[in-house]
Amino acid sequence: MFNSPIGTLYLTFSGRLLSGVSFEKPEHVPFRKGAAPASFIKELKAYFSGAHVAFSQEIKFLTGTDFEKKVWSALKDIPFGETRSYKWVAEKTGNSAAVRAVGRALSKNPVPIVVPCHRVIESDGSIGGYSSGVEVKRRLLEMEYYAKGK
């Protein structure tokens, strides 16, 4: 667990590899307390303090289709404090017509924040959806926007 300014984050690991970040306690995973890697906790603290963090924690996707993994990989190209459209992500996957499929893939992202699906918005600039709720997405985007101005 990690207590953040936007709520408790439940962190799931497969060995030393991050496999999940959730705002709700995962039901399908036996929960046991253990120490997350100190370097990852340090990065989370820095991120929520407004630092421009490129997370270095290795990730293991335990779920996801090849397309979903391609979408999640593309998100790492969106810089801190910036946003891109669903269409941009679809184009990065090589399938510009897959805008709706991108939205579905984002909703299944097992490691939000670290794989920054919150940085994807509608082409018209509206915020779009978020698996943990639009208010959480708005807070993450505002935090990054104001931190980027520092």
Protein backbone atom coordinates (compact mmCIF):
# COMPACT_ATOMS: atom_id res chain seq x y z
CA MET A 1 0.00 0.00 0.00
CA PHE A 2 1.04 3.56 -0.64
CA ASN A 3 -0.86 6.53 0.78
CA SER A 4 -1.02 9.20 -1.90
CA PRO A 5 -2.72 12.61 -1.98
CA ILE A 6 -5.44 11.10 -4.17
CA GLY A 7 -6.07 8.02 -2.02
CA THR A 8 -4.53 4.72 -1.05
CA LEU A 9 -2.77 2.86 -3.85
CA TYR A 10 -2.59 -0.91 -3.62
CA LEU A 11 0.61 -2.14 -5.22
CA THR A 12 0.92 -5.68 -6.53
CA PHE A 13 4.21 -7.32 -7.41
CA SER A 14 5.19 -10.51 -9.17
CA GLY A 15 8.53 -11.06 -7.52
CA ARG A 16 10.30 -7.71 -7.86
CA LEU A 17 8.24 -6.66 -10.90
CA LEU A 18 5.27 -4.33 -10.56
CA SER A 19 2.11 -6.02 -11.83
CA GLY A 20 -0.66 -3.82 -10.46
CA VAL A 21 -1.60 -0.40 -9.10
CA SER A 22 -5.16 -0.04 -7.89
CA PHE A 23 -7.25 2.40 -5.88
CA GLU A 24 -9.20 -0.57 -4.53
CA LYS A 25 -7.83 -3.59 -2.70
CA PRO A 26 -7.45 -6.29 -5.36
CA GLU A 27 -9.89 -9.13 -4.75
CA HIS A 28 -8.21 -11.70 -6.98
CA VAL A 29 -4.78 -11.38 -5.39
CA PRO A 30 -3.94 -12.73 -1.95
CA PHE A 31 -3.02 -9.58 -0.06
CA ARG A 32 0.02 -9.70 2.11
CA LYS A 33 1.99 -6.87 3.43
CA GLY A 34 5.48 -6.59 2.15
CA ALA A 35 7.89 -3.91 1.28
CA ALA A 36 7.73 -2.51 -2.21
CA PRO A 37 11.18 -1.71 -3.61
CA ALA A 38 12.48 1.40 -1.86
CA SER A 39 13.45 2.98 -5.17
CA PHE A 40 9.86 2.68 -6.43
CA ILE A 41 8.41 4.19 -3.25
CA LYS A 42 10.91 7.04 -3.56
CA GLU A 43 9.74 7.64 -7.16
CA LEU A 44 6.06 7.60 -6.12
CA LYS A 45 6.75 10.12 -3.34
CA ALA A 46 8.65 12.34 -5.77
CA TYR A 47 5.87 12.08 -8.36
CA PHE A 48 3.17 13.09 -5.87
CA SER A 49 5.42 15.94 -4.70
CA GLY A 50 5.39 17.35 -8.22
CA ALA A 51 8.68 16.00 -9.56
CA HIS A 52 8.91 15.03 -13.22
CA VAL A 53 9.38 11.31 -12.69
CA ALA A 54 10.04 8.75 -15.39
CA PHE A 55 9.30 5.61 -13.40
CA SER A 56 12.11 3.08 -13.58
CA GLN A 57 10.27 0.24 -11.84
CA GLU A 58 10.13 -2.80 -14.10
CA ILE A 59 6.62 -3.97 -14.95
CA LYS A 60 5.22 -7.41 -15.63
CA PHE A 61 1.87 -7.43 -17.41
CA LEU A 62 0.09 -10.54 -16.12
CA THR A 63 -2.91 -9.84 -18.35
CA GLY A 64 -3.60 -8.13 -21.64
CA THR A 65 -3.75 -8.88 -25.33
CA ASP A 66 -0.89 -8.01 -27.65
CA PHE A 67 -2.83 -4.91 -28.75
CA GLU A 68 -3.45 -3.80 -25.15
CA LYS A 69 0.23 -4.21 -24.33
CA LYS A 70 1.11 -2.17 -27.42
CA VAL A 71 -1.24 0.60 -26.21
CA TRP A 72 0.22 0.55 -22.70
CA SER A 73 3.73 0.71 -24.14
CA ALA A 74 2.82 3.76 -26.26
CA LEU A 75 1.72 5.66 -23.14
CA LYS A 76 5.29 5.84 -21.90
CA ASP A 77 5.98 8.26 -24.77
CA ILE A 78 3.63 10.88 -23.30
CA PRO A 79 5.75 13.31 -21.26
CA PHE A 80 4.93 14.37 -17.72
CA GLY A 81 2.45 17.25 -17.70
CA GLU A 82 1.32 16.71 -21.28
CA THR A 83 -1.65 14.96 -22.86
CA ARG A 84 -2.34 13.12 -26.08
CA SER A 85 -5.56 12.04 -27.76
CA TYR A 86 -6.97 8.54 -28.06
CA LYS A 87 -6.38 8.93 -31.80
CA TRP A 88 -2.69 9.71 -31.21
CA VAL A 89 -2.36 6.49 -29.20
CA ALA A 90 -4.17 4.53 -31.93
CA GLU A 91 -1.74 5.93 -34.50
CA LYS A 92 1.23 4.93 -32.29
CA THR A 93 -0.04 1.34 -32.35
CA GLY A 94 -0.13 1.41 -36.14
CA ASN A 95 -3.92 1.31 -36.35
CA SER A 96 -5.36 4.83 -36.54
CA ALA A 97 -8.92 3.47 -36.75
CA ALA A 98 -8.66 1.70 -33.38
CA VAL A 99 -9.68 4.69 -31.25
CA ARG A 100 -12.43 2.83 -29.35
CA ALA A 101 -10.17 -0.18 -28.85
CA VAL A 102 -7.57 2.17 -27.35
CA GLY A 103 -10.18 3.41 -24.86
CA ARG A 104 -10.99 -0.17 -23.86
CA ALA A 105 -7.28 -0.98 -23.49
CA LEU A 106 -6.76 2.09 -21.30
CA SER A 107 -9.63 1.00 -19.03
CA LYS A 108 -7.79 -2.30 -18.47
CA ASN A 109 -4.37 -0.76 -17.73
CA PRO A 110 -3.19 -2.72 -14.67
CA VAL A 111 -0.62 -0.12 -13.61
CA PRO A 112 -2.20 3.35 -13.89
CA ILE A 113 -0.04 6.35 -12.97
CA VAL A 114 3.15 4.38 -13.74
CA VAL A 115 1.80 3.66 -17.22
CA PRO A 116 0.12 7.08 -17.59
CA CYS A 117 -3.30 6.37 -19.11
CA HIS A 118 -4.57 9.51 -17.33
CA ARG A 119 -2.66 11.57 -19.93
CA VAL A 120 -4.98 10.44 -22.73
CA ILE A 121 -7.89 12.77 -23.48
CA GLU A 122 -10.48 13.31 -26.21
CA SER A 123 -9.43 15.00 -29.48
CA ASP A 124 -11.66 17.96 -28.60
CA GLY A 125 -9.77 18.52 -25.34
CA SER A 126 -12.43 17.05 -23.04
CA ILE A 127 -11.10 14.82 -20.32
CA GLY A 128 -12.62 11.48 -21.38
CA GLY A 129 -13.01 8.55 -19.01
CA TYR A 130 -10.75 6.94 -16.43
CA SER A 131 -10.97 3.55 -14.76
CA SER A 132 -10.64 5.12 -11.29
CA GLY A 133 -13.06 7.94 -12.05
CA VAL A 134 -12.89 11.22 -13.90
CA GLU A 135 -12.19 13.19 -10.71
CA VAL A 136 -9.01 11.17 -10.05
CA LYS A 137 -7.94 11.73 -13.66
CA ARG A 138 -8.60 15.46 -13.36
CA ARG A 139 -6.54 15.67 -10.15
CA LEU A 140 -3.60 13.81 -11.69
CA LEU A 141 -3.64 16.04 -14.78
CA GLU A 142 -3.89 19.23 -12.70
CA MET A 143 -1.09 18.09 -10.40
CA GLU A 144 1.20 17.42 -13.38
CA TYR A 145 0.19 20.61 -15.18
CA TYR A 146 0.98 22.83 -12.20
CA ALA A 147 4.15 20.90 -11.34
CA LYS A 148 5.37 21.29 -14.92
CA GLY A 149 5.16 25.06 -14.52
CA LYS A 150 7.64 24.96 -11.63
